[in-house]
Amino acid sequence: MPYLFEALLFIGFVGAFFAWRELHPGMEPARRFLILAAVFVMFSLLGAAWYGFGRRGETYIPAHMENGVLVPAQSGR
């Protein structure tokens, strides 16, 4: 679910930018648009940080071979 939220934030920012460029070619962006863009970027960075730091103490063990048997990847402590 966090991936969907982050993807929607990114698509919202990019979509708003392209919509503005299509509707107002050659003009500088309005101040409120720049503030909205900064808010989108801030939420994206906060979401990435939350995802990255939210799993403290967990260790990822990749898939590996033990005695000729493939052991699936594990996420544990």
PDB file of N, CA and C in Angstrom:
ATOM      1  N   MET A   1       0.798  -1.200   0.000  1.00  0.00           N
ATOM      2  CA  MET A   1       0.000   0.000   0.000  1.00  0.00           C
ATOM      3  C   MET A   1       0.845   1.271   0.000  1.00  0.00           C
ATOM      4  N   PRO A   2       1.992   1.287   0.721  1.00  0.00           N
ATOM      5  CA  PRO A   2       2.801   2.513   0.685  1.00  0.00           C
ATOM      6  C   PRO A   2       3.292   2.822  -0.736  1.00  0.00           C
ATOM      7  N   TYR A   3       3.521   1.771  -1.523  1.00  0.00           N
ATOM      8  CA  TYR A   3       3.983   1.999  -2.893  1.00  0.00           C
ATOM      9  C   TYR A   3       2.930   2.754  -3.690  1.00  0.00           C
ATOM     10  N   LEU A   4       1.675   2.410  -3.495  1.00  0.00           N
ATOM     11  CA  LEU A   4       0.594   3.067  -4.225  1.00  0.00           C
ATOM     12  C   LEU A   4       0.526   4.544  -3.851  1.00  0.00           C
ATOM     13  N   PHE A   5       0.643   4.857  -2.576  1.00  0.00           N
ATOM     14  CA  PHE A   5       0.596   6.243  -2.122  1.00  0.00           C
ATOM     15  C   PHE A   5       1.742   7.047  -2.726  1.00  0.00           C
ATOM     16  N   GLU A   6       2.954   6.486  -2.696  1.00  0.00           N
ATOM     17  CA  GLU A   6       4.107   7.186  -3.248  1.00  0.00           C
ATOM     18  C   GLU A   6       3.981   7.343  -4.766  1.00  0.00           C
ATOM     19  N   ALA A   7       3.462   6.324  -5.437  1.00  0.00           N
ATOM     20  CA  ALA A   7       3.278   6.415  -6.882  1.00  0.00           C
ATOM     21  C   ALA A   7       2.250   7.490  -7.226  1.00  0.00           C
ATOM     22  N   LEU A   8       1.176   7.574  -6.448  1.00  0.00           N
ATOM     23  CA  LEU A   8       0.160   8.600  -6.695  1.00  0.00           C
ATOM     24  C   LEU A   8       0.715  10.002  -6.460  1.00  0.00           C
ATOM     25  N   LEU A   9       1.572  10.156  -5.450  1.00  0.00           N
ATOM     26  CA  LEU A   9       2.203  11.456  -5.234  1.00  0.00           C
ATOM     27  C   LEU A   9       3.073  11.842  -6.423  1.00  0.00           C
ATOM     28  N   PHE A  10       3.859  10.896  -6.913  1.00  0.00           N
ATOM     29  CA  PHE A  10       4.727  11.179  -8.049  1.00  0.00           C
ATOM     30  C   PHE A  10       3.913  11.489  -9.301  1.00  0.00           C
ATOM     31  N   ILE A  11       2.914  10.670  -9.578  1.00  0.00           N
ATOM     32  CA  ILE A  11       2.084  10.877 -10.767  1.00  0.00           C
ATOM     33  C   ILE A  11       1.322  12.195 -10.650  1.00  0.00           C
ATOM     34  N   GLY A  12       0.878  12.540  -9.446  1.00  0.00           N
ATOM     35  CA  GLY A  12       0.174  13.812  -9.254  1.00  0.00           C
ATOM     36  C   GLY A  12       1.059  14.997  -9.568  1.00  0.00           C
ATOM     37  N   PHE A  13       2.284  14.961  -9.088  1.00  0.00           N
ATOM     38  CA  PHE A  13       3.228  16.055  -9.343  1.00  0.00           C
ATOM     39  C   PHE A  13       3.559  16.162 -10.825  1.00  0.00           C
ATOM     40  N   VAL A  14       3.905  15.055 -11.433  1.00  0.00           N
ATOM     41  CA  VAL A  14       4.279  15.067 -12.855  1.00  0.00           C
ATOM     42  C   VAL A  14       3.076  15.447 -13.708  1.00  0.00           C
ATOM     43  N   GLY A  15       1.905  14.910 -13.390  1.00  0.00           N
ATOM     44  CA  GLY A  15       0.704  15.239 -14.145  1.00  0.00           C
ATOM     45  C   GLY A  15       0.341  16.707 -14.041  1.00  0.00           C
ATOM     46  N   ALA A  16       0.459  17.265 -12.846  1.00  0.00           N
ATOM     47  CA  ALA A  16       0.172  18.693 -12.676  1.00  0.00           C
ATOM     48  C   ALA A  16       1.158  19.547 -13.458  1.00  0.00           C
ATOM     49  N   PHE A  17       2.414  19.149 -13.454  1.00  0.00           N
ATOM     50  CA  PHE A  17       3.418  19.911 -14.199  1.00  0.00           C
ATOM     51  C   PHE A  17       3.122  19.893 -15.702  1.00  0.00           C
ATOM     52  N   PHE A  18       2.848  18.716 -16.251  1.00  0.00           N
ATOM     53  CA  PHE A  18       2.577  18.632 -17.689  1.00  0.00           C
ATOM     54  C   PHE A  18       1.263  19.322 -18.057  1.00  0.00           C
ATOM     55  N   ALA A  19       0.271  19.266 -17.178  1.00  0.00           N
ATOM     56  CA  ALA A  19      -0.976  19.980 -17.443  1.00  0.00           C
ATOM     57  C   ALA A  19      -0.737  21.481 -17.468  1.00  0.00           C
ATOM     58  N   TRP A  20       0.065  21.976 -16.522  1.00  0.00           N
ATOM     59  CA  TRP A  20       0.373  23.402 -16.496  1.00  0.00           C
ATOM     60  C   TRP A  20       1.148  23.813 -17.735  1.00  0.00           C
ATOM     61  N   ARG A  21       2.136  23.010 -18.137  1.00  0.00           N
ATOM     62  CA  ARG A  21       2.943  23.346 -19.324  1.00  0.00           C
ATOM     63  C   ARG A  21       2.073  23.345 -20.585  1.00  0.00           C
ATOM     64  N   GLU A  22       1.100  22.471 -20.636  1.00  0.00           N
ATOM     65  CA  GLU A  22       0.215  22.408 -21.811  1.00  0.00           C
ATOM     66  C   GLU A  22      -0.737  23.607 -21.850  1.00  0.00           C
ATOM     67  N   LEU A  23      -1.235  24.007 -20.695  1.00  0.00           N
ATOM     68  CA  LEU A  23      -2.192  25.104 -20.643  1.00  0.00           C
ATOM     69  C   LEU A  23      -1.541  26.480 -20.700  1.00  0.00           C
ATOM     70  N   HIS A  24      -0.293  26.603 -20.269  1.00  0.00           N
ATOM     71  CA  HIS A  24       0.394  27.895 -20.212  1.00  0.00           C
ATOM     72  C   HIS A  24       1.802  27.796 -20.797  1.00  0.00           C
ATOM     73  N   PRO A  25       1.933  27.617 -22.091  1.00  0.00           N
ATOM     74  CA  PRO A  25       3.280  27.491 -22.659  1.00  0.00           C
ATOM     75  C   PRO A  25       4.041  28.813 -22.573  1.00  0.00           C
ATOM     76  N   GLY A  26       5.315  28.738 -22.191  1.00  0.00           N
ATOM     77  CA  GLY A  26       6.168  29.912 -22.156  1.00  0.00           C
ATOM     78  C   GLY A  26       6.016  30.798 -20.940  1.00  0.00           C
ATOM     79  N   MET A  27       5.175  30.441 -19.980  1.00  0.00           N
ATOM     80  CA  MET A  27       4.971  31.265 -18.788  1.00  0.00           C
ATOM     81  C   MET A  27       5.726  30.657 -17.611  1.00  0.00           C
ATOM     82  N   GLU A  28       6.072  31.501 -16.662  1.00  0.00           N
ATOM     83  CA  GLU A  28       6.687  31.030 -15.418  1.00  0.00           C
ATOM     84  C   GLU A  28       5.593  30.448 -14.526  1.00  0.00           C
ATOM     85  N   PRO A  29       5.932  29.449 -13.720  1.00  0.00           N
ATOM     86  CA  PRO A  29       4.911  28.870 -12.832  1.00  0.00           C
ATOM     87  C   PRO A  29       4.511  29.844 -11.722  1.00  0.00           C
ATOM     88  N   ALA A  30       3.268  29.740 -11.322  1.00  0.00           N
ATOM     89  CA  ALA A  30       2.757  30.581 -10.237  1.00  0.00           C
ATOM     90  C   ALA A  30       3.372  30.162  -8.909  1.00  0.00           C
ATOM     91  N   ARG A  31       3.393  31.071  -7.962  1.00  0.00           N
ATOM     92  CA  ARG A  31       3.984  30.789  -6.658  1.00  0.00           C
ATOM     93  C   ARG A  31       3.258  29.645  -5.958  1.00  0.00           C
ATOM     94  N   ARG A  32       1.944  29.599  -6.041  1.00  0.00           N
ATOM     95  CA  ARG A  32       1.209  28.519  -5.374  1.00  0.00           C
ATOM     96  C   ARG A  32       1.499  27.164  -6.008  1.00  0.00           C
ATOM     97  N   PHE A  33       1.783  27.144  -7.303  1.00  0.00           N
ATOM     98  CA  PHE A  33       2.155  25.888  -7.954  1.00  0.00           C
ATOM     99  C   PHE A  33       3.508  25.408  -7.438  1.00  0.00           C
ATOM    100  N   LEU A  34       4.437  26.318  -7.261  1.00  0.00           N
ATOM    101  CA  LEU A  34       5.751  25.944  -6.733  1.00  0.00           C
ATOM    102  C   LEU A  34       5.636  25.435  -5.298  1.00  0.00           C
ATOM    103  N   ILE A  35       4.763  26.046  -4.507  1.00  0.00           N
ATOM    104  CA  ILE A  35       4.542  25.588  -3.135  1.00  0.00           C
ATOM    105  C   ILE A  35       3.916  24.197  -3.143  1.00  0.00           C
ATOM    106  N   LEU A  36       2.942  23.981  -4.008  1.00  0.00           N
ATOM    107  CA  LEU A  36       2.308  22.670  -4.114  1.00  0.00           C
ATOM    108  C   LEU A  36       3.319  21.618  -4.559  1.00  0.00           C
ATOM    109  N   ALA A  37       4.192  21.970  -5.492  1.00  0.00           N
ATOM    110  CA  ALA A  37       5.224  21.041  -5.949  1.00  0.00           C
ATOM    111  C   ALA A  37       6.179  20.710  -4.804  1.00  0.00           C
ATOM    112  N   ALA A  38       6.536  21.711  -4.009  1.00  0.00           N
ATOM    113  CA  ALA A  38       7.423  21.473  -2.875  1.00  0.00           C
ATOM    114  C   ALA A  38       6.760  20.555  -1.846  1.00  0.00           C
ATOM    115  N   VAL A  39       5.454  20.712  -1.653  1.00  0.00           N
ATOM    116  CA  VAL A  39       4.729  19.843  -0.723  1.00  0.00           C
ATOM    117  C   VAL A  39       4.722  18.406  -1.244  1.00  0.00           C
ATOM    118  N   PHE A  40       4.490  18.217  -2.535  1.00  0.00           N
ATOM    119  CA  PHE A  40       4.526  16.876  -3.123  1.00  0.00           C
ATOM    120  C   PHE A  40       5.897  16.242  -2.944  1.00  0.00           C
ATOM    121  N   VAL A  41       6.953  16.993  -3.178  1.00  0.00           N
ATOM    122  CA  VAL A  41       8.312  16.468  -3.021  1.00  0.00           C
ATOM    123  C   VAL A  41       8.576  16.129  -1.560  1.00  0.00           C
ATOM    124  N   MET A  42       8.133  16.987  -0.650  1.00  0.00           N
ATOM    125  CA  MET A  42       8.330  16.741   0.773  1.00  0.00           C
ATOM    126  C   MET A  42       7.640  15.454   1.200  1.00  0.00           C
ATOM    127  N   PHE A  43       6.385  15.258   0.778  1.00  0.00           N
ATOM    128  CA  PHE A  43       5.675  14.037   1.133  1.00  0.00           C
ATOM    129  C   PHE A  43       6.338  12.805   0.534  1.00  0.00           C
ATOM    130  N   SER A  44       6.857  12.927  -0.669  1.00  0.00           N
ATOM    131  CA  SER A  44       7.547  11.796  -1.285  1.00  0.00           C
ATOM    132  C   SER A  44       8.801  11.436  -0.496  1.00  0.00           C
ATOM    133  N   LEU A  45       9.573  12.436  -0.101  1.00  0.00           N
ATOM    134  CA  LEU A  45      10.788  12.171   0.681  1.00  0.00           C
ATOM    135  C   LEU A  45      10.445  11.609   2.057  1.00  0.00           C
ATOM    136  N   LEU A  46       9.411  12.156   2.689  1.00  0.00           N
ATOM    137  CA  LEU A  46       8.998  11.631   3.990  1.00  0.00           C
ATOM    138  C   LEU A  46       8.516  10.188   3.878  1.00  0.00           C
ATOM    139  N   GLY A  47       7.787   9.875   2.814  1.00  0.00           N
ATOM    140  CA  GLY A  47       7.339   8.504   2.598  1.00  0.00           C
ATOM    141  C   GLY A  47       8.501   7.555   2.380  1.00  0.00           C
ATOM    142  N   ALA A  48       9.493   7.986   1.609  1.00  0.00           N
ATOM    143  CA  ALA A  48      10.668   7.151   1.383  1.00  0.00           C
ATOM    144  C   ALA A  48      11.443   6.943   2.676  1.00  0.00           C
ATOM    145  N   ALA A  49      11.576   7.998   3.483  1.00  0.00           N
ATOM    146  CA  ALA A  49      12.281   7.878   4.760  1.00  0.00           C
ATOM    147  C   ALA A  49      11.513   6.972   5.715  1.00  0.00           C
ATOM    148  N   TRP A  50      10.200   7.124   5.755  1.00  0.00           N
ATOM    149  CA  TRP A  50       9.376   6.287   6.619  1.00  0.00           C
ATOM    150  C   TRP A  50       9.524   4.822   6.237  1.00  0.00           C
ATOM    151  N   TYR A  51       9.518   4.551   4.953  1.00  0.00           N
ATOM    152  CA  TYR A  51       9.660   3.176   4.493  1.00  0.00           C
ATOM    153  C   TYR A  51      11.059   2.646   4.806  1.00  0.00           C
ATOM    154  N   GLY A  52      12.074   3.472   4.602  1.00  0.00           N
ATOM    155  CA  GLY A  52      13.447   3.031   4.812  1.00  0.00           C
ATOM    156  C   GLY A  52      13.807   2.835   6.272  1.00  0.00           C
ATOM    157  N   PHE A  53      13.330   3.702   7.144  1.00  0.00           N
ATOM    158  CA  PHE A  53      13.689   3.617   8.553  1.00  0.00           C
ATOM    159  C   PHE A  53      12.655   2.859   9.381  1.00  0.00           C
ATOM    160  N   GLY A  54      11.548   2.492   8.804  1.00  0.00           N
ATOM    161  CA  GLY A  54      10.484   1.843   9.554  1.00  0.00           C
ATOM    162  C   GLY A  54      10.753   0.399   9.905  1.00  0.00           C
ATOM    163  N   ARG A  55      11.782  -0.211   9.352  1.00  0.00           N
ATOM    164  CA  ARG A  55      12.042  -1.630   9.587  1.00  0.00           C
ATOM    165  C   ARG A  55      13.332  -1.833  10.383  1.00  0.00           C
ATOM    166  N   ARG A  56      13.526  -1.081  11.393  1.00  0.00           N
ATOM    167  CA  ARG A  56      14.734  -1.226  12.209  1.00  0.00           C
ATOM    168  C   ARG A  56      14.719  -2.555  12.945  1.00  0.00           C
ATOM    169  N   GLY A  57      15.871  -3.154  13.031  1.00  0.00           N
ATOM    170  CA  GLY A  57      15.990  -4.406  13.754  1.00  0.00           C
ATOM    171  C   GLY A  57      15.721  -5.629  12.901  1.00  0.00           C
ATOM    172  N   GLU A  58      15.154  -5.460  11.737  1.00  0.00           N
ATOM    173  CA  GLU A  58      14.895  -6.595  10.869  1.00  0.00           C
ATOM    174  C   GLU A  58      16.082  -6.804   9.946  1.00  0.00           C
ATOM    175  N   THR A  59      16.371  -8.052   9.663  1.00  0.00           N
ATOM    176  CA  THR A  59      17.471  -8.394   8.777  1.00  0.00           C
ATOM    177  C   THR A  59      16.929  -9.192   7.612  1.00  0.00           C
ATOM    178  N   TYR A  60      17.316  -8.807   6.410  1.00  0.00           N
ATOM    179  CA  TYR A  60      16.906  -9.539   5.218  1.00  0.00           C
ATOM    180  C   TYR A  60      17.944 -10.604   4.914  1.00  0.00           C
ATOM    181  N   ILE A  61      17.494 -11.830   4.771  1.00  0.00           N
ATOM    182  CA  ILE A  61      18.373 -12.940   4.414  1.00  0.00           C
ATOM    183  C   ILE A  61      17.967 -13.384   3.011  1.00  0.00           C
ATOM    184  N   PRO A  62      18.816 -13.168   2.000  1.00  0.00           N
ATOM    185  CA  PRO A  62      18.446 -13.519   0.635  1.00  0.00           C
ATOM    186  C   PRO A  62      18.344 -15.035   0.450  1.00  0.00           C
ATOM    187  N   ALA A  63      17.702 -15.421  -0.622  1.00  0.00           N
ATOM    188  CA  ALA A  63      17.595 -16.842  -0.953  1.00  0.00           C
ATOM    189  C   ALA A  63      18.999 -17.405  -1.149  1.00  0.00           C
ATOM    190  N   HIS A  64      19.199 -18.624  -0.667  1.00  0.00           N
ATOM    191  CA  HIS A  64      20.514 -19.251  -0.772  1.00  0.00           C
ATOM    192  C   HIS A  64      20.363 -20.767  -0.810  1.00  0.00           C
ATOM    193  N   MET A  65      21.462 -21.414  -1.135  1.00  0.00           N
ATOM    194  CA  MET A  65      21.483 -22.877  -1.211  1.00  0.00           C
ATOM    195  C   MET A  65      22.079 -23.435   0.077  1.00  0.00           C
ATOM    196  N   GLU A  66      21.415 -24.426   0.656  1.00  0.00           N
ATOM    197  CA  GLU A  66      21.933 -25.169   1.805  1.00  0.00           C
ATOM    198  C   GLU A  66      21.821 -26.650   1.495  1.00  0.00           C
ATOM    199  N   ASN A  67      22.961 -27.303   1.407  1.00  0.00           N
ATOM    200  CA  ASN A  67      23.003 -28.742   1.124  1.00  0.00           C
ATOM    201  C   ASN A  67      22.243 -29.097  -0.152  1.00  0.00           C
ATOM    202  N   GLY A  68      22.366 -28.272  -1.176  1.00  0.00           N
ATOM    203  CA  GLY A  68      21.719 -28.538  -2.458  1.00  0.00           C
ATOM    204  C   GLY A  68      20.239 -28.184  -2.506  1.00  0.00           C
ATOM    205  N   VAL A  69      19.720 -27.576  -1.447  1.00  0.00           N
ATOM    206  CA  VAL A  69      18.308 -27.211  -1.390  1.00  0.00           C
ATOM    207  C   VAL A  69      18.205 -25.681  -1.367  1.00  0.00           C
ATOM    208  N   LEU A  70      17.332 -25.143  -2.193  1.00  0.00           N
ATOM    209  CA  LEU A  70      17.128 -23.701  -2.237  1.00  0.00           C
ATOM    210  C   LEU A  70      16.269 -23.270  -1.051  1.00  0.00           C
ATOM    211  N   VAL A  71      16.844 -22.404  -0.211  1.00  0.00           N
ATOM    212  CA  VAL A  71      16.131 -21.866   0.947  1.00  0.00           C
ATOM    213  C   VAL A  71      15.602 -20.499   0.541  1.00  0.00           C
ATOM    214  N   PRO A  72      14.270 -20.262   0.637  1.00  0.00           N
ATOM    215  CA  PRO A  72      13.718 -18.977   0.199  1.00  0.00           C
ATOM    216  C   PRO A  72      14.214 -17.825   1.064  1.00  0.00           C
ATOM    217  N   ALA A  73      14.063 -16.637   0.525  1.00  0.00           N
ATOM    218  CA  ALA A  73      14.458 -15.416   1.249  1.00  0.00           C
ATOM    219  C   ALA A  73      13.604 -15.269   2.498  1.00  0.00           C
ATOM    220  N   GLN A  74      14.225 -14.678   3.529  1.00  0.00           N
ATOM    221  CA  GLN A  74      13.525 -14.494   4.793  1.00  0.00           C
ATOM    222  C   GLN A  74      13.763 -13.087   5.298  1.00  0.00           C
ATOM    223  N   SER A  75      12.769 -12.563   5.982  1.00  0.00           N
ATOM    224  CA  SER A  75      12.902 -11.280   6.652  1.00  0.00           C
ATOM    225  C   SER A  75      12.650 -11.548   8.122  1.00  0.00           C
ATOM    226  N   GLY A  76      13.654 -11.358   8.933  1.00  0.00           N
ATOM    227  CA  GLY A  76      13.510 -11.660  10.351  1.00  0.00           C
ATOM    228  C   GLY A  76      14.424 -10.817  11.186  1.00  0.00           C
ATOM    229  N   ARG A  77      14.493 -11.132  12.447  1.00  0.00           N
ATOM    230  CA  ARG A  77      15.319 -10.355  13.375  1.00  0.00           C
ATOM    231  C   ARG A  77      16.641 -10.984  13.582  1.00  0.00           C
TER     232      ARG A  77
END
